[in-house]
Amino acid sequence: MSSIIISILSIYIFIVMGYLAKRTFKEQIDDKTITLINVYFLQVFLTFWGLLLRPVDTNLLFAPSIYIFIVLVALSLSAFVAKLLFEDKKEYSIAMVAAIIGNTGNLGIPINIAIFGPESIPYTTMVNLANVFVVYTIGVFFYSRGNFDTKTSLKNILKLPILWAAIIAILLSIYKVPIHHSIMNMLMMGAYASMTMQLFLFGIYLYDTKIKELNKKLLLWVMTTKFVLLPSVAFLVLLHIELDTMIKGIIFIELLMPLAVANVNLASLYNCSPKVVTALVFFSSLLFLGVIFLGIIFLQYL
C-alpha cells in the first residue's frame, strides 16, 4: 500500500511547482503557450518513445480491445443522460468525455506494477496505447465540440501530430524497424519533458481555479461517471469474460485511474473551460486516494 501512495505523491510534486510558479509570476507565465508547445511538439516525443520502448505484441491486443469496448459502452450510456442534464455546450462536452480520459500512463503503470508486479508492464503498456487513441480521437472531438461544429471537430483530430506519431510508431514497432539508442535517448528526453510539463501546466491552471464557482451538478456527474458508472460497467463486462485474473485486474485498475492531465491540455487547446476541467481533475485525484483501495478489494471477485 505504501508503494502506491508514494507513486501518487511523487508524481504530484510537479503540480505543486506549477502552482507556486503561477502564484509567484502570475501573468508572466503564458498558459496557452505552454499548452501549444506541449501538445504540438513535446507530446510527439512522448508518443514515439512510449510506443517504441517495448515491441507492440499483437497477441496482447485483447486487453486494450476490452478496455476500449468498456469505454465506448460507458460513453453510450452517459450520452442519453448528459444531453438532458447539460444545456451548455461546453458543460455537455466536458460531461461526455472527461471521465473516460484517465491517467493510465504516468499513474496507472506504476500502480499496476505495485499491485501485480513487473509482469503487468506489457499489458499496461498496451492499455495505455489504447487510451492514447481515446484521448486524441474521442477526447479531441468532444473538447472541440465545446466551441466548434462537428465537421471542424473531426478535422481537429487529424490536425494533431500526436495521432500520426502514434500510427508511425506502431508501424515501426510491428515491422521491427531498428531504432538507434541515441535516437531513443533523444526521444526519452522529450518524453520526460512532456510528462513534467503536463503536470506543471495542471498546477498553473489550479492556481486560478475557483472551486466554489464549479457547477456542482457537473462535478457530481463527472465523479459519478468516473468512479461509479465506468467501474460498474468494467466489473460486469470483466466478470463475464474468460481471461487471466491478472489481466482483468489490470484493465479494472486502469479504468479506475483519476482524470488525466491530458483533459486540461485539450480543454485549454480548444478553449473548453480549462479551469473547470482543472477543478474536476483535482477532485478526482483526491477521491482516487480512497477509491483505489476499494478497487483493490473488488479485484478478488473478478
Protein backbone atom coordinates (compact mmCIF):
# COMPACT_ATOMS: atom_id res chain seq x y z
CA MET A 1 0.00 0.00 0.00
CA SER A 2 2.82 2.40 0.85
CA SER A 3 4.33 1.99 -2.63
CA ILE A 4 1.00 3.03 -4.19
CA ILE A 5 0.81 6.17 -2.05
CA ILE A 6 4.45 7.07 -2.82
CA SER A 7 3.81 6.55 -6.57
CA ILE A 8 0.92 9.03 -6.42
CA LEU A 9 2.53 11.69 -4.23
CA SER A 10 5.90 11.71 -6.02
CA ILE A 11 4.20 12.48 -9.35
CA TYR A 12 2.22 15.40 -7.90
CA ILE A 13 5.33 17.31 -6.79
CA PHE A 14 5.43 18.91 -10.24
CA ILE A 15 1.84 20.07 -9.84
CA VAL A 16 2.83 21.95 -6.69
CA MET A 17 5.74 23.51 -8.60
CA GLY A 18 3.40 24.71 -11.35
CA TYR A 19 1.02 26.18 -8.79
CA LEU A 20 3.84 28.04 -7.00
CA ALA A 21 5.27 29.30 -10.30
CA LYS A 22 1.93 30.80 -11.36
CA ARG A 23 1.38 32.25 -7.90
CA THR A 24 4.81 33.90 -8.00
CA PHE A 25 4.99 35.16 -11.59
CA LYS A 26 1.25 35.39 -12.43
CA GLU A 27 0.71 36.90 -15.92
CA GLN A 28 4.36 36.47 -16.85
CA ILE A 29 3.55 32.79 -17.37
CA ASP A 30 1.52 32.27 -20.55
CA ASP A 31 -0.67 29.17 -20.09
CA LYS A 32 -1.63 28.90 -23.77
CA THR A 33 1.98 28.98 -25.00
CA ILE A 34 2.93 26.13 -22.67
CA THR A 35 -0.08 24.12 -23.88
CA LEU A 36 0.82 24.60 -27.56
CA ILE A 37 4.48 23.66 -27.02
CA ASN A 38 3.47 20.55 -25.09
CA VAL A 39 0.67 19.30 -27.36
CA TYR A 40 2.19 20.06 -30.76
CA PHE A 41 5.85 19.31 -30.01
CA LEU A 42 6.85 17.57 -26.78
CA GLN A 43 3.99 15.06 -26.74
CA VAL A 44 5.11 13.83 -30.15
CA PHE A 45 8.36 12.75 -28.44
CA LEU A 46 6.35 11.16 -25.61
CA THR A 47 4.21 9.21 -28.07
CA PHE A 48 7.17 7.93 -30.09
CA TRP A 49 9.22 6.99 -27.06
CA GLY A 50 6.32 5.35 -25.21
CA LEU A 51 5.29 3.21 -28.17
CA LEU A 52 8.82 2.25 -29.25
CA LEU A 53 10.06 1.44 -25.74
CA ARG A 54 8.64 -2.07 -25.94
CA PRO A 55 7.64 -4.01 -29.06
CA VAL A 56 3.94 -3.97 -29.86
CA ASP A 57 2.81 -7.55 -29.41
CA THR A 58 -0.33 -8.29 -31.44
CA ASN A 59 -1.03 -11.18 -29.04
CA LEU A 60 -1.63 -8.60 -26.31
CA LEU A 61 -4.31 -6.71 -28.26
CA PHE A 62 -7.17 -8.42 -26.41
CA ALA A 63 -6.66 -6.35 -23.24
CA PRO A 64 -6.78 -2.91 -24.93
CA SER A 65 -9.71 -4.08 -27.07
CA ILE A 66 -11.72 -4.83 -23.92
CA TYR A 67 -10.63 -1.50 -22.44
CA ILE A 68 -11.92 0.43 -25.48
CA PHE A 69 -15.15 -1.61 -25.52
CA ILE A 70 -15.86 -0.73 -21.88
CA VAL A 71 -15.11 2.95 -22.54
CA LEU A 72 -17.48 3.00 -25.53
CA VAL A 73 -20.26 1.31 -23.54
CA ALA A 74 -19.91 3.83 -20.71
CA LEU A 75 -19.81 6.69 -23.23
CA SER A 76 -23.00 5.44 -24.90
CA LEU A 77 -24.82 5.11 -21.57
CA SER A 78 -23.80 8.58 -20.41
CA ALA A 79 -24.77 10.21 -23.73
CA PHE A 80 -28.50 9.87 -23.04
CA VAL A 81 -28.42 11.36 -19.55
CA ALA A 82 -25.80 14.07 -20.18
CA LYS A 83 -27.89 15.54 -23.01
CA LEU A 84 -30.77 16.04 -20.57
CA LEU A 85 -28.68 17.41 -17.72
CA PHE A 86 -26.45 19.92 -19.51
CA GLU A 87 -27.74 22.53 -21.94
CA ASP A 88 -24.49 24.50 -22.08
CA LYS A 89 -22.40 23.23 -24.99
CA LYS A 90 -19.09 23.27 -23.10
CA GLU A 91 -20.51 21.60 -20.00
CA TYR A 92 -22.05 18.86 -22.15
CA SER A 93 -18.69 18.22 -23.87
CA ILE A 94 -16.90 18.02 -20.53
CA ALA A 95 -19.62 15.78 -19.08
CA MET A 96 -19.28 13.39 -22.00
CA VAL A 97 -15.55 12.93 -22.20
CA ALA A 98 -13.69 13.98 -19.03
CA ALA A 99 -14.36 10.81 -17.04
CA ILE A 100 -13.21 8.39 -19.77
CA ILE A 101 -9.77 10.02 -20.13
CA GLY A 102 -7.90 8.51 -17.21
CA ASN A 103 -4.27 8.72 -16.16
CA THR A 104 -3.38 5.25 -17.43
CA GLY A 105 0.28 6.09 -18.09
CA ASN A 106 2.01 8.29 -15.51
CA LEU A 107 -0.09 6.87 -12.67
CA GLY A 108 -1.69 3.68 -13.99
CA ILE A 109 1.52 1.89 -14.96
CA PRO A 110 3.41 2.37 -11.64
CA ILE A 111 0.30 1.50 -9.60
CA ASN A 112 -0.29 -1.70 -11.57
CA ILE A 113 3.38 -2.60 -11.08
CA ALA A 114 2.91 -2.03 -7.34
CA ILE A 115 -0.16 -4.34 -7.31
CA PHE A 116 0.70 -7.03 -9.89
CA GLY A 117 4.46 -6.76 -10.31
CA PRO A 118 6.66 -6.18 -13.41
CA GLU A 119 4.80 -8.88 -15.38
CA SER A 120 1.93 -6.39 -15.73
CA ILE A 121 4.03 -4.00 -17.85
CA PRO A 122 3.25 -5.43 -21.33
CA TYR A 123 -0.50 -5.24 -20.63
CA THR A 124 -0.45 -1.79 -19.02
CA THR A 125 1.60 -0.52 -21.97
CA MET A 126 -0.98 -1.79 -24.45
CA VAL A 127 -3.91 -0.42 -22.43
CA ASN A 128 -2.14 2.94 -22.25
CA LEU A 129 -1.73 2.79 -26.03
CA ALA A 130 -5.49 2.30 -26.36
CA ASN A 131 -6.03 5.29 -24.08
CA VAL A 132 -3.78 7.43 -26.28
CA PHE A 133 -6.17 6.84 -29.17
CA VAL A 134 -9.19 7.53 -26.96
CA VAL A 135 -7.66 10.85 -25.86
CA TYR A 136 -6.72 12.06 -29.33
CA THR A 137 -9.85 10.92 -31.15
CA ILE A 138 -12.87 10.94 -28.81
CA GLY A 139 -11.23 13.43 -26.43
CA VAL A 140 -10.26 15.89 -29.16
CA PHE A 141 -13.70 15.60 -30.79
CA PHE A 142 -15.73 16.39 -27.66
CA TYR A 143 -13.48 19.15 -26.33
CA SER A 144 -13.56 20.71 -29.82
CA ARG A 145 -17.35 20.46 -29.85
CA GLY A 146 -17.39 22.89 -26.93
CA ASN A 147 -16.61 25.64 -29.46
CA PHE A 148 -16.74 24.16 -32.95
CA ASP A 149 -19.18 22.28 -35.18
CA THR A 150 -18.95 18.54 -35.86
CA LYS A 151 -17.04 18.88 -39.14
CA THR A 152 -14.38 21.16 -37.65
CA SER A 153 -14.06 18.91 -34.60
CA LEU A 154 -13.36 15.91 -36.83
CA LYS A 155 -10.76 17.94 -38.72
CA ASN A 156 -9.11 18.89 -35.42
CA ILE A 157 -8.47 15.19 -34.76
CA LEU A 158 -6.49 14.90 -37.99
CA LYS A 159 -4.58 18.15 -37.36
CA LEU A 160 -2.89 16.91 -34.19
CA PRO A 161 0.58 15.45 -34.91
CA ILE A 162 0.31 13.11 -31.89
CA LEU A 163 -2.16 10.81 -33.65
CA TRP A 164 0.08 10.47 -36.70
CA ALA A 165 3.13 9.97 -34.48
CA ALA A 166 1.33 7.11 -32.74
CA ILE A 167 0.44 5.42 -36.03
CA ILE A 168 4.01 5.73 -37.36
CA ALA A 169 5.49 4.44 -34.08
CA ILE A 170 3.16 1.42 -34.06
CA LEU A 171 4.10 0.55 -37.65
CA LEU A 172 7.82 0.85 -36.82
CA SER A 173 7.30 -1.41 -33.82
CA ILE A 174 5.23 -4.03 -35.67
CA TYR A 175 7.76 -4.25 -38.53
CA LYS A 176 10.63 -4.30 -36.00
CA VAL A 177 12.48 -1.36 -37.56
CA PRO A 178 15.69 -0.90 -35.50
CA ILE A 179 15.95 2.46 -33.72
CA HIS A 180 19.42 3.68 -32.74
CA HIS A 181 19.89 4.03 -28.98
CA SER A 182 20.95 7.68 -29.39
CA ILE A 183 17.60 8.45 -31.05
CA MET A 184 15.78 6.63 -28.24
CA ASN A 185 17.68 8.72 -25.68
CA MET A 186 16.67 11.89 -27.51
CA LEU A 187 13.03 10.75 -27.58
CA MET A 188 13.23 9.92 -23.88
CA MET A 189 14.41 13.46 -23.06
CA GLY A 190 11.43 14.92 -24.89
CA ALA A 191 9.07 12.39 -23.31
CA TYR A 192 10.08 13.22 -19.75
CA ALA A 193 9.92 16.93 -20.55
CA SER A 194 6.36 16.43 -21.82
CA MET A 195 5.24 14.48 -18.75
CA THR A 196 6.75 17.09 -16.45
CA MET A 197 5.19 19.95 -18.40
CA GLN A 198 1.73 18.32 -18.31
CA LEU A 199 1.84 18.17 -14.53
CA PHE A 200 3.35 21.65 -14.33
CA LEU A 201 0.55 23.02 -16.54
CA PHE A 202 -2.04 21.41 -14.30
CA GLY A 203 -0.57 23.28 -11.32
CA ILE A 204 -0.66 26.54 -13.28
CA TYR A 205 -4.37 26.19 -14.04
CA LEU A 206 -5.05 25.05 -10.50
CA TYR A 207 -3.87 28.44 -9.20
CA ASP A 208 -6.62 30.40 -10.98
CA THR A 209 -9.32 27.77 -10.45
CA LYS A 210 -12.20 28.87 -8.25
CA ILE A 211 -13.58 25.64 -6.79
CA LYS A 212 -16.64 27.38 -5.32
CA GLU A 213 -17.78 28.53 -8.78
CA LEU A 214 -17.74 24.99 -10.18
CA ASN A 215 -21.13 23.68 -11.30
CA LYS A 216 -21.99 21.14 -8.58
CA LYS A 217 -24.15 19.16 -10.99
CA LEU A 218 -21.26 18.81 -13.43
CA LEU A 219 -18.89 17.85 -10.60
CA LEU A 220 -21.29 15.18 -9.31
CA TRP A 221 -21.92 13.82 -12.81
CA VAL A 222 -18.24 13.51 -13.79
CA MET A 223 -17.22 11.94 -10.47
CA THR A 224 -20.16 9.51 -10.60
CA THR A 225 -19.32 8.55 -14.18
CA LYS A 226 -15.63 8.14 -13.30
CA PHE A 227 -15.91 6.19 -10.06
CA VAL A 228 -19.34 4.50 -10.29
CA LEU A 229 -20.57 4.07 -13.88
CA LEU A 230 -17.23 3.26 -15.54
CA PRO A 231 -16.00 0.73 -12.92
CA SER A 232 -19.51 -0.82 -12.74
CA VAL A 233 -19.57 -1.40 -16.50
CA ALA A 234 -15.98 -2.70 -16.30
CA PHE A 235 -16.81 -5.09 -13.46
CA LEU A 236 -19.87 -6.54 -15.25
CA VAL A 237 -18.03 -6.96 -18.56
CA LEU A 238 -14.91 -8.48 -17.00
CA LEU A 239 -17.00 -10.79 -14.81
CA HIS A 240 -18.43 -12.49 -17.91
CA ILE A 241 -15.18 -12.83 -19.86
CA GLU A 242 -12.81 -15.78 -19.60
CA LEU A 243 -9.47 -14.11 -19.12
CA ASP A 244 -6.44 -14.35 -16.85
CA THR A 245 -7.24 -12.82 -13.45
CA MET A 246 -4.23 -10.51 -13.57
CA ILE A 247 -5.23 -9.07 -16.96
CA LYS A 248 -8.78 -8.48 -15.71
CA GLY A 249 -7.35 -6.71 -12.68
CA ILE A 250 -5.08 -4.53 -14.81
CA ILE A 251 -7.97 -3.39 -17.03
CA PHE A 252 -10.16 -2.70 -13.99
CA ILE A 253 -7.45 -0.70 -12.17
CA GLU A 254 -6.62 1.30 -15.31
CA LEU A 255 -10.29 2.30 -15.65
CA LEU A 256 -10.24 3.48 -12.02
CA MET A 257 -7.45 5.97 -12.65
CA PRO A 258 -8.36 9.62 -11.91
CA LEU A 259 -8.90 12.13 -14.70
CA ALA A 260 -5.72 12.61 -16.72
CA VAL A 261 -3.99 15.98 -17.03
CA ALA A 262 -4.47 15.49 -20.79
CA ASN A 263 -8.03 16.73 -20.13
CA VAL A 264 -6.58 20.10 -19.14
CA ASN A 265 -4.34 20.18 -22.23
CA LEU A 266 -7.25 19.59 -24.60
CA ALA A 267 -9.66 21.88 -22.75
CA SER A 268 -7.03 24.64 -22.90
CA LEU A 269 -6.19 23.97 -26.56
CA TYR A 270 -9.84 24.27 -27.65
CA ASN A 271 -10.88 26.86 -25.02
CA CYS A 272 -13.41 24.50 -23.44
CA SER A 273 -13.46 25.83 -19.84
CA PRO A 274 -9.94 24.63 -18.89
CA LYS A 275 -10.24 25.92 -15.31
CA VAL A 276 -13.44 23.91 -14.81
CA VAL A 277 -11.68 20.83 -16.16
CA THR A 278 -8.70 21.53 -13.88
CA ALA A 279 -11.02 21.55 -10.85
CA LEU A 280 -12.53 18.23 -11.95
CA VAL A 281 -9.07 16.65 -12.35
CA PHE A 282 -8.18 17.94 -8.89
CA PHE A 283 -11.29 16.47 -7.25
CA SER A 284 -10.87 13.12 -9.00
CA SER A 285 -7.25 12.97 -7.81
CA LEU A 286 -8.36 13.49 -4.20
CA LEU A 287 -11.18 10.92 -4.41
CA PHE A 288 -8.85 8.43 -6.04
CA LEU A 289 -6.75 8.19 -2.87
CA GLY A 290 -9.68 6.39 -1.26
CA VAL A 291 -11.24 4.74 -4.32
CA ILE A 292 -8.07 2.83 -5.26
CA PHE A 293 -8.20 0.81 -2.05
CA LEU A 294 -11.87 -0.08 -2.64
CA GLY A 295 -10.89 -1.09 -6.17
CA ILE A 296 -8.24 -3.46 -4.85
CA ILE A 297 -10.90 -5.15 -2.67
CA PHE A 298 -13.12 -5.70 -5.74
CA LEU A 299 -10.26 -7.42 -7.59
CA GLN A 300 -10.81 -10.63 -5.63
CA TYR A 301 -14.29 -11.02 -7.16
CA LEU A 302 -13.18 -10.84 -10.80
